[in-house]
Amino acid sequence: MAFLRCGVLARNVMMTEWQRMTCGLMLVVLGACTSPPEVIVITATFQPTQPTPTPFAQLIPTETVNAGSPVLSQNAQDVAQQSYTVQPGDTLSGIALRFDIELDVLQTLNDLPNPDLLEVGQVLRLPGRLIVPGSDFRILPDHRLVRAPGSADFDIDGFIDSQPGYIRTATDEVDDIIYSARDIVRRVSLEYSIDARLLLALLEYKGGWLSDPAPSDDARTYPLGAPASPFGFDRNGLYRQLTWAADRLNDGYYGWKLGEDSEAVLADDGRAPYSAALNAATVGVQSMFSQTADYPTWASQVSESGFYAVYMRYFGDPFSDPREPLVPLGLTQPVLTLPFAADEIWFYTGGWHGGWGSGSAWAAVDFAPPDERPDGSSSCYVSDYFATAAADGVIARSADGAVVLDLDGDGDESTGWTILYLHIASLDRIPGGVQVRRGDRIGRPSCEGGFSTGTHLHIARRYNGEWITASCVVCRNESDYPPFVMSDWQVIGLAGQEYQGFLRRGNEQRIAEQGRLILDNRVGW
């Protein structure tokens, strides 16, 4: 067996705050490796208070309890054990996070004197999990979770103005700016591509914000009950609460569509298998509620008399206007070019990862511009090079570091193909409403928007508001997404390894690598 490659672990350590923390112990091992290339990009688009989840690996059910037995054992010695085979890039802490196991339990169970040393192919024992009954009740159609065709017609301001509750006057501070609740709902809806009606119904169901003009202090500060992050970051305030919910909704939705998730993991450690009769949106809602609920509470929340009843009261029958499927089988991608000038060589620094937030489909890849960091500057600077339009279209949105290119030209980013450019500096950024041709300048890469600690360009695809995975390694039959191809370079993702992978064009290949000192990540067209 070969020990894990230093290069893979080094990239994982540099990628995100969560990985930097969970992989911290690996630095001792990495010290024996060849020094990594100069880091030019550290990228992520989630809020820094939220960890990046690793893909789900299924456990075989070991025991079933009925709905009348909600008290679930958390003692690893009381339940049957399963196993997991170590993959390239794994760390023990990452595996513990993936399976929601205490790190010391996993270390003790496997008699690991040094938790920093794992081998590819090593088989680890895992504590089993009690399986509780799931629910086959459909809560929402897919187009009422995704900000899909028709979502733009919903009048957020008019709806909020018609409500007597706290939401009419609520505000929150984001990046040192005070925003109204309606602006925050709109922003989260756009950024995460989640239908605003779902966010509003959740605020009522969990916090009473639509009906109660004077909710409790706790309901004002934590209206959705989102917990603090594993690192102690407080998710207080409307924006942090909504971004947590949107990310968890996306995590369930795309985890189901891409064949990664098969059960809800409850707060009391129970596992509720998803019924084959469910759709992705219902799984998304079930998954989000499971984050903070024990089994009896969760079973009530996902029933017909739970959240669904509140949604019905405010927005009517969500299934009355069928629009499925959002992504039809056989969908083809329009011809796209790489998002920079044809005579330039950029660096392919990030393989497939979240389109927006850690929970969305791994729809994005990253490129770093070829200019050197200016003397005396941090790793965040405004590049002298420009990102360019990958196809003809119209700029549907240009704000907060994001530019959305709408390829069908109707200006509605919830319909047809759209391309998200992120971390585009406000300086020289193209304004909304402008018609562009392939190759026209979009703006200059920076760290602006989302979360980034190094200048780069993040680019992702959506169709009908749905994030389109950059590489369909394992997808359900109903989610046959087209490959992400730019200037004949196809994105190839490595299964279960976020940010890792290749660009491939014929016999040529480029690796996603966080450095300037190799030739294998330099790409042009």
Protein backbone atom coordinates (compact mmCIF):
# COMPACT_ATOMS: atom_id res chain seq x y z
CA MET A 1 0.00 0.00 0.00
CA ALA A 2 1.22 3.51 -0.78
CA PHE A 3 1.03 6.31 1.73
CA LEU A 4 -1.21 9.23 0.82
CA ARG A 5 0.47 11.57 -1.66
CA CYS A 6 1.88 14.70 -0.04
CA GLY A 7 0.60 16.83 -2.91
CA VAL A 8 -3.00 15.75 -2.45
CA LEU A 9 -2.92 16.39 1.28
CA ALA A 10 -1.20 19.74 0.84
CA ARG A 11 -3.89 20.94 -1.54
CA ASN A 12 -6.59 19.76 0.83
CA VAL A 13 -4.97 21.58 3.74
CA MET A 14 -4.88 24.81 1.76
CA MET A 15 -8.38 24.70 0.36
CA THR A 16 -10.81 25.70 3.10
CA GLU A 17 -11.02 26.84 6.72
CA TRP A 18 -12.60 23.51 7.70
CA GLN A 19 -9.91 21.49 5.97
CA ARG A 20 -7.16 23.67 7.41
CA MET A 21 -8.52 22.94 10.89
CA THR A 22 -9.27 19.25 10.46
CA CYS A 23 -6.02 18.54 8.66
CA GLY A 24 -3.87 20.59 11.00
CA LEU A 25 -2.27 17.52 12.53
CA MET A 26 -1.13 16.39 9.10
CA LEU A 27 1.39 19.23 8.93
CA VAL A 28 3.90 17.14 10.86
CA VAL A 29 3.72 14.47 8.18
CA LEU A 30 3.77 17.03 5.39
CA GLY A 31 6.97 18.49 6.71
CA ALA A 32 8.77 15.48 5.27
CA CYS A 33 7.29 16.11 1.82
CA THR A 34 8.71 18.24 -0.90
CA SER A 35 7.78 21.87 -0.32
CA PRO A 36 4.54 22.68 -2.16
CA PRO A 37 4.47 25.27 -4.97
CA GLU A 38 3.75 28.88 -4.10
CA VAL A 39 0.10 29.19 -3.18
CA ILE A 40 -1.62 31.68 -5.47
CA VAL A 41 -5.26 30.82 -4.82
CA ILE A 42 -7.15 29.64 -1.78
CA THR A 43 -10.73 29.40 -2.83
CA ALA A 44 -14.20 28.74 -1.58
CA THR A 45 -17.59 30.35 -2.06
CA PHE A 46 -19.28 29.36 1.18
CA GLN A 47 -19.58 31.61 4.18
CA PRO A 48 -16.44 31.20 6.30
CA THR A 49 -18.57 30.15 9.27
CA GLN A 50 -19.73 27.01 7.46
CA PRO A 51 -17.65 23.86 6.95
CA THR A 52 -17.26 22.08 3.64
CA PRO A 53 -18.83 18.62 3.82
CA THR A 54 -17.22 15.62 2.24
CA PRO A 55 -19.39 13.46 -0.01
CA PHE A 56 -21.60 10.85 1.61
CA ALA A 57 -20.50 7.22 1.76
CA GLN A 58 -23.35 4.86 2.55
CA LEU A 59 -23.55 2.69 5.66
CA ILE A 60 -25.42 -0.59 5.51
CA PRO A 61 -28.43 -0.53 7.87
CA THR A 62 -27.66 -2.49 11.01
CA GLU A 63 -30.79 -2.18 13.10
CA THR A 64 -34.29 -0.83 12.66
CA VAL A 65 -36.42 0.88 15.26
CA ASN A 66 -40.05 1.82 14.76
CA ALA A 67 -41.62 5.24 15.11
CA GLY A 68 -42.48 4.43 18.70
CA SER A 69 -38.82 4.05 19.64
CA PRO A 70 -37.33 7.52 19.23
CA VAL A 71 -34.54 7.16 21.76
CA LEU A 72 -31.49 6.16 19.74
CA SER A 73 -28.25 4.83 21.09
CA GLN A 74 -25.11 6.89 20.55
CA ASN A 75 -22.79 4.37 22.17
CA ALA A 76 -20.54 2.88 19.53
CA GLN A 77 -20.20 -0.32 21.57
CA ASP A 78 -23.95 -0.97 21.56
CA VAL A 79 -24.41 -1.26 17.80
CA ALA A 80 -22.99 -3.27 14.95
CA GLN A 81 -19.92 -1.96 13.19
CA GLN A 82 -19.26 -1.21 9.52
CA SER A 83 -16.12 -0.32 7.60
CA TYR A 84 -14.65 2.33 5.30
CA THR A 85 -11.71 2.01 2.92
CA VAL A 86 -9.30 4.96 2.98
CA GLN A 87 -9.13 6.92 -0.29
CA PRO A 88 -6.43 9.31 -1.59
CA GLY A 89 -6.79 12.67 0.15
CA ASP A 90 -8.54 11.28 3.25
CA THR A 91 -7.71 12.29 6.81
CA LEU A 92 -9.05 10.67 9.94
CA SER A 93 -10.77 13.87 11.01
CA GLY A 94 -12.34 14.21 7.56
CA ILE A 95 -13.67 10.66 7.75
CA ALA A 96 -15.04 11.35 11.24
CA LEU A 97 -16.84 14.42 9.91
CA ARG A 98 -18.24 12.54 6.93
CA PHE A 99 -19.80 9.84 9.08
CA ASP A 100 -20.66 12.14 11.99
CA ILE A 101 -18.44 10.20 14.41
CA GLU A 102 -16.41 11.59 17.29
CA LEU A 103 -12.76 11.59 16.31
CA ASP A 104 -11.60 9.90 19.50
CA VAL A 105 -14.24 7.16 19.04
CA LEU A 106 -12.96 6.46 15.53
CA GLN A 107 -9.34 6.43 16.71
CA THR A 108 -10.07 4.10 19.64
CA LEU A 109 -12.23 1.78 17.56
CA ASN A 110 -9.37 1.28 15.10
CA ASP A 111 -6.53 1.20 17.65
CA LEU A 112 -4.66 4.01 15.89
CA PRO A 113 -1.68 5.17 17.96
CA ASN A 114 -1.00 7.94 15.42
CA PRO A 115 -4.19 9.36 13.89
CA ASP A 116 -2.09 11.38 11.43
CA LEU A 117 -0.97 8.30 9.48
CA LEU A 118 -3.38 6.59 7.10
CA GLU A 119 -2.72 4.40 4.08
CA VAL A 120 -4.70 4.29 0.87
CA GLY A 121 -6.68 1.05 0.99
CA GLN A 122 -6.59 0.80 4.77
CA VAL A 123 -9.90 -0.50 6.13
CA LEU A 124 -11.31 1.41 9.10
CA ARG A 125 -14.03 0.11 11.40
CA LEU A 126 -16.99 2.46 11.88
CA PRO A 127 -19.69 2.37 14.53
CA GLY A 128 -23.02 1.37 13.03
CA ARG A 129 -26.09 3.56 13.19
CA LEU A 130 -29.66 2.82 14.19
CA ILE A 131 -32.10 3.15 11.32
CA VAL A 132 -35.47 4.86 11.90
CA PRO A 133 -38.45 4.95 9.53
CA GLY A 134 -38.32 7.59 6.82
CA SER A 135 -41.22 9.47 5.25
CA ASP A 136 -42.51 9.13 1.70
CA PHE A 137 -44.64 12.31 1.88
CA ARG A 138 -43.66 14.78 -0.84
CA ILE A 139 -43.33 18.29 0.56
CA LEU A 140 -42.33 20.41 -2.45
CA PRO A 141 -41.72 19.98 -6.17
CA ASP A 142 -38.22 20.74 -7.36
CA HIS A 143 -39.14 24.10 -8.86
CA ARG A 144 -40.25 25.38 -5.44
CA LEU A 145 -36.85 24.68 -3.88
CA VAL A 146 -34.68 25.84 -6.78
CA ARG A 147 -34.99 29.45 -7.92
CA ALA A 148 -36.43 28.09 -11.15
CA PRO A 149 -38.60 29.46 -13.99
CA GLY A 150 -41.44 31.44 -12.41
CA SER A 151 -39.49 32.29 -9.24
CA ALA A 152 -38.61 35.74 -10.55
CA ASP A 153 -42.34 36.55 -10.80
CA PHE A 154 -42.80 36.29 -7.04
CA ASP A 155 -42.99 39.76 -5.50
CA ILE A 156 -40.87 39.57 -2.35
CA ASP A 157 -41.47 43.18 -1.35
CA GLY A 158 -45.23 43.04 -1.91
CA PHE A 159 -45.56 39.79 0.03
CA ILE A 160 -43.57 41.06 3.02
CA ASP A 161 -45.51 44.33 3.05
CA SER A 162 -48.74 42.33 3.37
CA GLN A 163 -47.59 40.46 6.48
CA PRO A 164 -48.16 41.68 10.05
CA GLY A 165 -45.06 40.02 11.47
CA TYR A 166 -41.58 41.04 12.51
CA ILE A 167 -40.18 40.49 9.02
CA ARG A 168 -41.54 43.90 7.93
CA THR A 169 -39.15 45.79 10.20
CA ALA A 170 -36.32 43.31 10.80
CA THR A 171 -32.78 44.22 9.74
CA ASP A 172 -29.38 42.57 9.90
CA GLU A 173 -25.78 43.67 9.40
CA VAL A 174 -23.79 42.03 6.61
CA ASP A 175 -20.23 43.15 5.86
CA ASP A 176 -20.74 46.27 8.02
CA ILE A 177 -23.87 47.31 6.09
CA ILE A 178 -27.39 47.24 7.53
CA TYR A 179 -29.89 45.47 5.26
CA SER A 180 -33.64 45.01 5.56
CA ALA A 181 -35.03 41.50 5.90
CA ARG A 182 -36.49 41.68 2.39
CA ASP A 183 -33.07 42.54 0.93
CA ILE A 184 -31.46 39.66 2.78
CA VAL A 185 -34.12 37.19 1.61
CA ARG A 186 -33.61 38.42 -1.96
CA ARG A 187 -29.83 38.17 -1.72
CA VAL A 188 -29.79 34.65 -0.30
CA SER A 189 -32.35 33.53 -2.88
CA LEU A 190 -30.18 34.84 -5.72
CA GLU A 191 -26.83 33.67 -4.40
CA TYR A 192 -27.85 30.14 -3.47
CA SER A 193 -30.51 29.85 -6.22
CA ILE A 194 -33.20 28.95 -3.68
CA ASP A 195 -36.83 30.02 -4.21
CA ALA A 196 -37.68 32.93 -1.89
CA ARG A 197 -41.05 31.42 -0.90
CA LEU A 198 -39.31 28.48 0.71
CA LEU A 199 -37.07 30.78 2.77
CA LEU A 200 -40.06 32.87 3.88
CA ALA A 201 -42.12 29.82 4.85
CA LEU A 202 -39.20 28.51 6.90
CA LEU A 203 -38.96 31.83 8.74
CA GLU A 204 -42.62 31.51 9.69
CA TYR A 205 -42.54 27.82 10.55
CA LYS A 206 -39.47 28.02 12.76
CA GLY A 207 -39.52 31.62 14.01
CA GLY A 208 -43.01 33.04 13.45
CA TRP A 209 -41.56 35.98 11.51
CA LEU A 210 -44.50 36.42 9.11
CA SER A 211 -47.29 36.42 11.70
CA ASP A 212 -45.76 37.55 15.00
CA PRO A 213 -44.80 41.24 15.25
CA ALA A 214 -42.89 40.64 18.50
CA PRO A 215 -41.16 37.23 18.51
CA SER A 216 -38.91 36.28 21.40
CA ASP A 217 -35.31 37.45 21.50
CA ASP A 218 -34.18 33.94 20.67
CA ALA A 219 -36.52 33.76 17.65
CA ARG A 220 -35.20 37.11 16.43
CA THR A 221 -31.57 36.08 16.74
CA TYR A 222 -31.89 32.43 15.67
CA PRO A 223 -35.14 32.28 13.66
CA LEU A 224 -34.28 28.96 12.02
CA GLY A 225 -32.50 27.38 14.96
CA ALA A 226 -29.25 27.00 13.02
CA PRO A 227 -26.56 25.88 15.45
CA ALA A 228 -23.12 27.35 15.90
CA SER A 229 -20.53 25.98 13.53
CA PRO A 230 -18.21 23.19 14.75
CA PHE A 231 -15.50 25.83 15.20
CA GLY A 232 -17.59 27.99 17.52
CA PHE A 233 -18.67 30.60 14.98
CA ASP A 234 -22.06 31.95 16.00
CA ARG A 235 -24.74 31.81 13.30
CA ASN A 236 -26.68 34.66 14.85
CA GLY A 237 -28.77 37.02 12.73
CA LEU A 238 -31.02 36.61 9.72
CA TYR A 239 -28.32 36.42 7.07
CA ARG A 240 -26.29 33.68 8.76
CA GLN A 241 -29.44 31.73 9.60
CA LEU A 242 -30.76 31.90 6.03
CA THR A 243 -27.43 31.08 4.40
CA TRP A 244 -27.13 28.03 6.65
CA ALA A 245 -30.63 26.89 5.69
CA ALA A 246 -30.08 27.53 1.97
CA ASP A 247 -26.81 25.62 2.03
CA ARG A 248 -28.38 22.66 3.84
CA LEU A 249 -31.36 22.63 1.45
CA ASN A 250 -28.97 22.54 -1.49
CA ASP A 251 -26.87 19.86 0.16
CA GLY A 252 -29.85 17.51 0.40
CA TYR A 253 -31.23 18.41 -3.03
CA TYR A 254 -28.02 17.85 -4.98
CA GLY A 255 -26.82 15.00 -2.79
CA TRP A 256 -29.97 13.14 -3.80
CA LYS A 257 -29.83 14.04 -7.49
CA LEU A 258 -26.17 13.13 -7.79
CA GLY A 259 -26.57 9.79 -6.06
CA GLU A 260 -24.49 10.70 -2.99
CA ASP A 261 -27.09 10.70 -0.19
CA SER A 262 -29.51 7.98 0.78
CA GLU A 263 -30.58 8.89 4.32
CA ALA A 264 -31.24 11.81 6.62
CA VAL A 265 -28.82 12.03 9.55
CA LEU A 266 -30.75 13.20 12.61
CA ALA A 267 -29.51 15.26 15.52
CA ASP A 268 -30.07 12.31 17.88
CA ASP A 269 -27.86 10.12 15.67
CA GLY A 270 -30.68 8.24 13.97
CA ARG A 271 -30.61 7.53 10.22
CA ALA A 272 -33.85 7.83 8.24
CA PRO A 273 -33.53 6.28 4.75
CA TYR A 274 -34.99 8.38 1.95
CA SER A 275 -37.92 6.72 0.22
CA ALA A 276 -37.46 5.97 -3.48
CA ALA A 277 -40.80 7.75 -4.00
CA LEU A 278 -39.34 11.11 -3.00
CA ASN A 279 -38.07 13.90 -5.23
CA ALA A 280 -34.95 16.00 -4.77
CA ALA A 281 -36.70 19.04 -3.24
CA THR A 282 -38.43 16.95 -0.58
CA VAL A 283 -35.12 15.31 0.28
CA GLY A 284 -33.58 18.77 0.55
CA VAL A 285 -36.22 19.86 3.07
CA GLN A 286 -35.99 16.59 5.01
CA SER A 287 -32.22 16.88 5.14
CA MET A 288 -32.29 20.46 6.40
CA PHE A 289 -34.72 19.69 9.22
CA SER A 290 -32.71 16.63 10.23
CA GLN A 291 -29.74 18.85 11.15
CA THR A 292 -31.40 20.16 14.32
CA ALA A 293 -34.19 17.68 15.17
CA ASP A 294 -34.48 14.40 17.03
CA TYR A 295 -36.53 11.68 15.38
CA PRO A 296 -40.01 12.48 16.77
CA THR A 297 -39.60 16.19 15.98
CA TRP A 298 -38.28 15.50 12.50
CA ALA A 299 -41.06 13.03 11.71
CA SER A 300 -43.60 15.75 12.58
CA GLN A 301 -41.77 18.44 10.60
CA VAL A 302 -41.73 16.43 7.36
CA SER A 303 -45.30 15.17 7.64
CA GLU A 304 -48.36 16.62 5.90
CA SER A 305 -49.27 18.54 9.07
CA GLY A 306 -45.78 19.96 9.53
CA PHE A 307 -43.88 22.46 7.39
CA TYR A 308 -46.00 21.60 4.35
CA ALA A 309 -49.14 22.90 6.07
CA VAL A 310 -47.51 26.28 6.74
CA TYR A 311 -46.27 26.51 3.17
CA MET A 312 -49.77 25.71 1.89
CA ARG A 313 -51.31 28.40 4.10
CA TYR A 314 -49.12 31.15 2.65
CA PHE A 315 -48.40 30.04 -0.91
CA GLY A 316 -51.04 27.48 -1.85
CA ASP A 317 -50.52 24.00 -3.27
CA PRO A 318 -46.92 23.90 -4.55
CA PHE A 319 -47.76 21.00 -6.86
CA SER A 320 -50.55 22.85 -8.69
CA ASP A 321 -48.17 24.28 -11.30
CA PRO A 322 -45.99 21.41 -12.55
CA ARG A 323 -42.73 22.47 -14.20
CA GLU A 324 -40.62 19.33 -13.93
CA PRO A 325 -38.11 18.30 -14.96
CA LEU A 326 -35.99 21.40 -14.54
CA VAL A 327 -33.11 19.68 -16.30
CA PRO A 328 -34.42 17.51 -19.15
CA LEU A 329 -32.70 14.29 -20.13
CA GLY A 330 -30.43 14.78 -23.09
CA LEU A 331 -29.68 18.41 -22.24
CA THR A 332 -26.66 19.69 -24.13
CA GLN A 333 -24.36 22.52 -23.14
CA PRO A 334 -23.95 25.47 -25.53
CA VAL A 335 -20.48 25.96 -26.97
CA LEU A 336 -18.35 27.79 -24.38
CA THR A 337 -14.82 29.15 -24.51
CA LEU A 338 -12.43 29.41 -21.63
CA PRO A 339 -13.26 32.63 -19.72
CA PHE A 340 -10.17 34.58 -20.74
CA ALA A 341 -8.50 35.82 -23.91
CA ALA A 342 -7.32 33.26 -26.46
CA ASP A 343 -3.70 34.43 -26.41
CA GLU A 344 -3.31 34.11 -22.62
CA ILE A 345 -2.17 31.24 -20.42
CA TRP A 346 -3.95 31.00 -17.05
CA PHE A 347 -3.60 28.51 -14.20
CA TYR A 348 -6.18 25.79 -13.51
CA THR A 349 -6.13 26.06 -9.73
CA GLY A 350 -9.39 24.50 -8.56
CA GLY A 351 -11.18 21.38 -9.80
CA TRP A 352 -14.88 20.82 -9.31
CA HIS A 353 -16.37 22.32 -6.14
CA GLY A 354 -19.52 24.05 -4.91
CA GLY A 355 -21.23 26.47 -7.27
CA TRP A 356 -22.23 28.62 -4.30
CA GLY A 357 -21.91 27.35 -0.76
CA SER A 358 -20.53 24.05 0.39
CA GLY A 359 -23.88 22.30 -0.13
CA SER A 360 -24.57 23.08 -3.78
CA ALA A 361 -23.61 20.79 -6.63
CA TRP A 362 -19.91 20.77 -7.44
CA ALA A 363 -20.65 23.04 -10.38
CA ALA A 364 -17.61 25.33 -10.34
CA VAL A 365 -13.95 25.35 -11.29
CA ASP A 366 -11.28 28.01 -10.65
CA PHE A 367 -8.70 29.77 -12.79
CA ALA A 368 -5.97 32.17 -11.64
CA PRO A 369 -4.75 34.96 -13.91
CA PRO A 370 -1.13 34.94 -15.09
CA ASP A 371 0.05 38.17 -13.46
CA GLU A 372 2.33 38.01 -10.44
CA ARG A 373 1.17 39.32 -7.10
CA PRO A 374 2.20 42.99 -6.85
CA ASP A 375 5.11 43.73 -4.54
CA GLY A 376 3.91 44.43 -1.04
CA SER A 377 0.39 43.16 -1.79
CA SER A 378 -1.44 40.38 -0.03
CA SER A 379 -2.64 37.35 -1.97
CA CYS A 380 -5.82 39.34 -2.63
CA TYR A 381 -5.29 41.96 -5.35
CA VAL A 382 -7.11 43.17 -8.45
CA SER A 383 -5.60 41.44 -11.47
CA ASP A 384 -4.48 43.33 -14.56
CA TYR A 385 -6.05 40.57 -16.66
CA PHE A 386 -9.74 40.34 -17.59
CA ALA A 387 -12.23 37.51 -17.42
CA THR A 388 -14.22 37.31 -20.66
CA ALA A 389 -17.64 36.16 -21.80
CA ALA A 390 -17.65 32.44 -22.59
CA ALA A 391 -20.60 32.90 -24.98
CA ASP A 392 -22.99 35.53 -26.33
CA GLY A 393 -25.67 36.74 -23.92
CA VAL A 394 -26.81 39.49 -21.59
CA ILE A 395 -25.56 40.36 -18.11
CA ALA A 396 -28.47 39.44 -15.84
CA ARG A 397 -26.79 40.53 -12.60
CA SER A 398 -23.63 42.36 -11.59
CA ALA A 399 -23.17 42.95 -7.85
CA ASP A 400 -21.24 41.86 -4.77
CA GLY A 401 -18.38 40.35 -6.78
CA ALA A 402 -20.70 38.26 -8.95
CA VAL A 403 -21.53 38.58 -12.64
CA VAL A 404 -24.22 36.36 -14.16
CA LEU A 405 -24.16 35.84 -17.93
CA ASP A 406 -27.59 34.84 -19.25
CA LEU A 407 -27.22 32.89 -22.49
CA ASP A 408 -30.87 32.98 -23.60
CA GLY A 409 -30.82 36.78 -23.44
CA ASP A 410 -34.05 37.32 -21.51
CA GLY A 411 -32.28 38.78 -18.47
CA ASP A 412 -33.90 36.24 -16.13
CA GLU A 413 -31.21 34.12 -14.50
CA SER A 414 -33.77 31.53 -13.40
CA THR A 415 -34.43 30.39 -16.99
CA GLY A 416 -32.18 28.58 -19.44
CA TRP A 417 -28.41 28.48 -19.28
CA THR A 418 -26.56 30.97 -17.07
CA ILE A 419 -22.87 31.28 -16.22
CA LEU A 420 -21.77 32.62 -12.84
CA TYR A 421 -18.50 34.54 -12.62
CA LEU A 422 -17.41 35.17 -9.04
CA HIS A 423 -14.71 37.30 -7.38
CA ILE A 424 -14.94 39.99 -10.05
CA ALA A 425 -13.68 43.35 -8.76
CA SER A 426 -16.11 46.26 -8.74
CA LEU A 427 -13.44 48.25 -10.57
CA ASP A 428 -14.17 47.90 -14.33
CA ARG A 429 -16.87 45.26 -13.68
CA ILE A 430 -19.43 45.11 -16.48
CA PRO A 431 -22.87 46.45 -15.39
CA GLY A 432 -26.14 44.54 -15.52
CA GLY A 433 -28.33 44.69 -18.62
CA VAL A 434 -25.44 44.87 -21.10
CA GLN A 435 -25.46 42.67 -24.20
CA VAL A 436 -22.14 40.90 -24.71
CA ARG A 437 -20.48 38.81 -27.39
CA ARG A 438 -18.17 35.92 -26.84
CA GLY A 439 -14.78 37.25 -25.72
CA ASP A 440 -16.04 40.59 -24.40
CA ARG A 441 -14.53 41.68 -21.09
CA ILE A 442 -16.50 40.85 -17.92
CA GLY A 443 -14.17 42.26 -15.29
CA ARG A 444 -10.96 41.60 -13.41
CA PRO A 445 -10.44 38.72 -10.94
CA SER A 446 -9.97 39.60 -7.28
CA CYS A 447 -11.19 38.29 -3.92
CA GLU A 448 -14.43 40.26 -3.99
CA GLY A 449 -17.67 38.40 -3.31
CA GLY A 450 -18.27 35.08 -1.57
CA PHE A 451 -15.26 33.92 0.40
CA SER A 452 -11.74 33.90 -0.99
CA THR A 453 -8.25 34.49 0.36
CA GLY A 454 -6.50 34.64 -3.01
CA THR A 455 -7.20 36.35 -6.34
CA HIS A 456 -8.85 34.04 -8.86
CA LEU A 457 -11.90 33.51 -11.05
CA HIS A 458 -14.64 31.09 -10.00
CA ILE A 459 -16.95 30.00 -12.84
CA ALA A 460 -20.04 27.76 -12.65
CA ARG A 461 -23.06 26.71 -14.74
CA ARG A 462 -26.79 26.63 -14.03
CA TYR A 463 -29.76 25.57 -16.10
CA ASN A 464 -33.26 26.74 -15.14
CA GLY A 465 -31.74 27.87 -11.86
CA GLU A 466 -30.32 24.44 -11.02
CA TRP A 467 -26.59 24.13 -10.42
CA ILE A 468 -25.12 21.78 -13.01
CA THR A 469 -22.36 19.57 -11.67
CA ALA A 470 -19.07 20.06 -13.50
CA SER A 471 -18.40 16.34 -13.77
CA CYS A 472 -21.07 13.66 -13.50
CA VAL A 473 -19.01 10.94 -11.83
CA VAL A 474 -22.04 9.29 -10.19
CA CYS A 475 -25.45 10.68 -11.14
CA ARG A 476 -28.93 9.22 -10.97
CA ASN A 477 -30.47 8.39 -14.33
CA GLU A 478 -32.85 11.33 -14.07
CA SER A 479 -29.88 13.66 -13.53
CA ASP A 480 -27.90 13.08 -16.70
CA TYR A 481 -25.97 16.35 -16.71
CA PRO A 482 -23.87 17.36 -19.72
CA PRO A 483 -20.09 17.64 -19.23
CA PHE A 484 -18.57 21.05 -18.54
CA VAL A 485 -16.57 21.87 -21.69
CA MET A 486 -14.77 25.13 -22.46
CA SER A 487 -12.69 25.54 -25.64
CA ASP A 488 -12.80 21.74 -25.99
CA TRP A 489 -11.30 21.28 -22.51
CA GLN A 490 -13.58 18.98 -20.47
CA VAL A 491 -13.71 19.09 -16.67
CA ILE A 492 -12.95 15.71 -15.13
CA GLY A 493 -13.59 15.43 -11.39
CA LEU A 494 -12.11 12.88 -9.02
CA ALA A 495 -14.85 10.99 -7.19
CA GLY A 496 -15.29 12.25 -3.64
CA GLN A 497 -12.42 14.74 -3.88
CA GLU A 498 -13.53 18.35 -3.93
CA TYR A 499 -11.24 20.75 -5.83
CA GLN A 500 -9.35 17.83 -7.37
CA GLY A 501 -9.35 16.69 -10.99
CA PHE A 502 -8.29 17.55 -14.50
CA LEU A 503 -9.04 19.36 -17.71
CA ARG A 504 -8.83 17.03 -20.68
CA ARG A 505 -8.69 17.79 -24.40
CA GLY A 506 -7.93 14.84 -26.63
CA ASN A 507 -4.60 13.45 -25.44
CA GLU A 508 -3.79 16.59 -23.42
CA GLN A 509 -4.45 16.91 -19.72
CA ARG A 510 -4.08 19.65 -17.11
CA ILE A 511 -4.25 19.04 -13.36
CA ALA A 512 -5.99 21.26 -10.83
CA GLU A 513 -3.02 22.47 -8.81
CA GLN A 514 -2.47 25.37 -6.40
CA GLY A 515 0.82 26.68 -7.75
CA ARG A 516 2.77 28.44 -10.49
CA LEU A 517 5.87 26.28 -10.47
CA ILE A 518 4.60 23.38 -12.57
CA LEU A 519 3.51 23.16 -16.19
CA ASP A 520 0.63 20.75 -15.61
CA ASN A 521 -1.92 23.39 -14.56
CA ARG A 522 -1.25 25.94 -17.31
CA VAL A 523 -4.07 26.16 -19.80
CA GLY A 524 -5.01 28.26 -22.80
CA TRP A 525 -6.87 28.08 -26.09
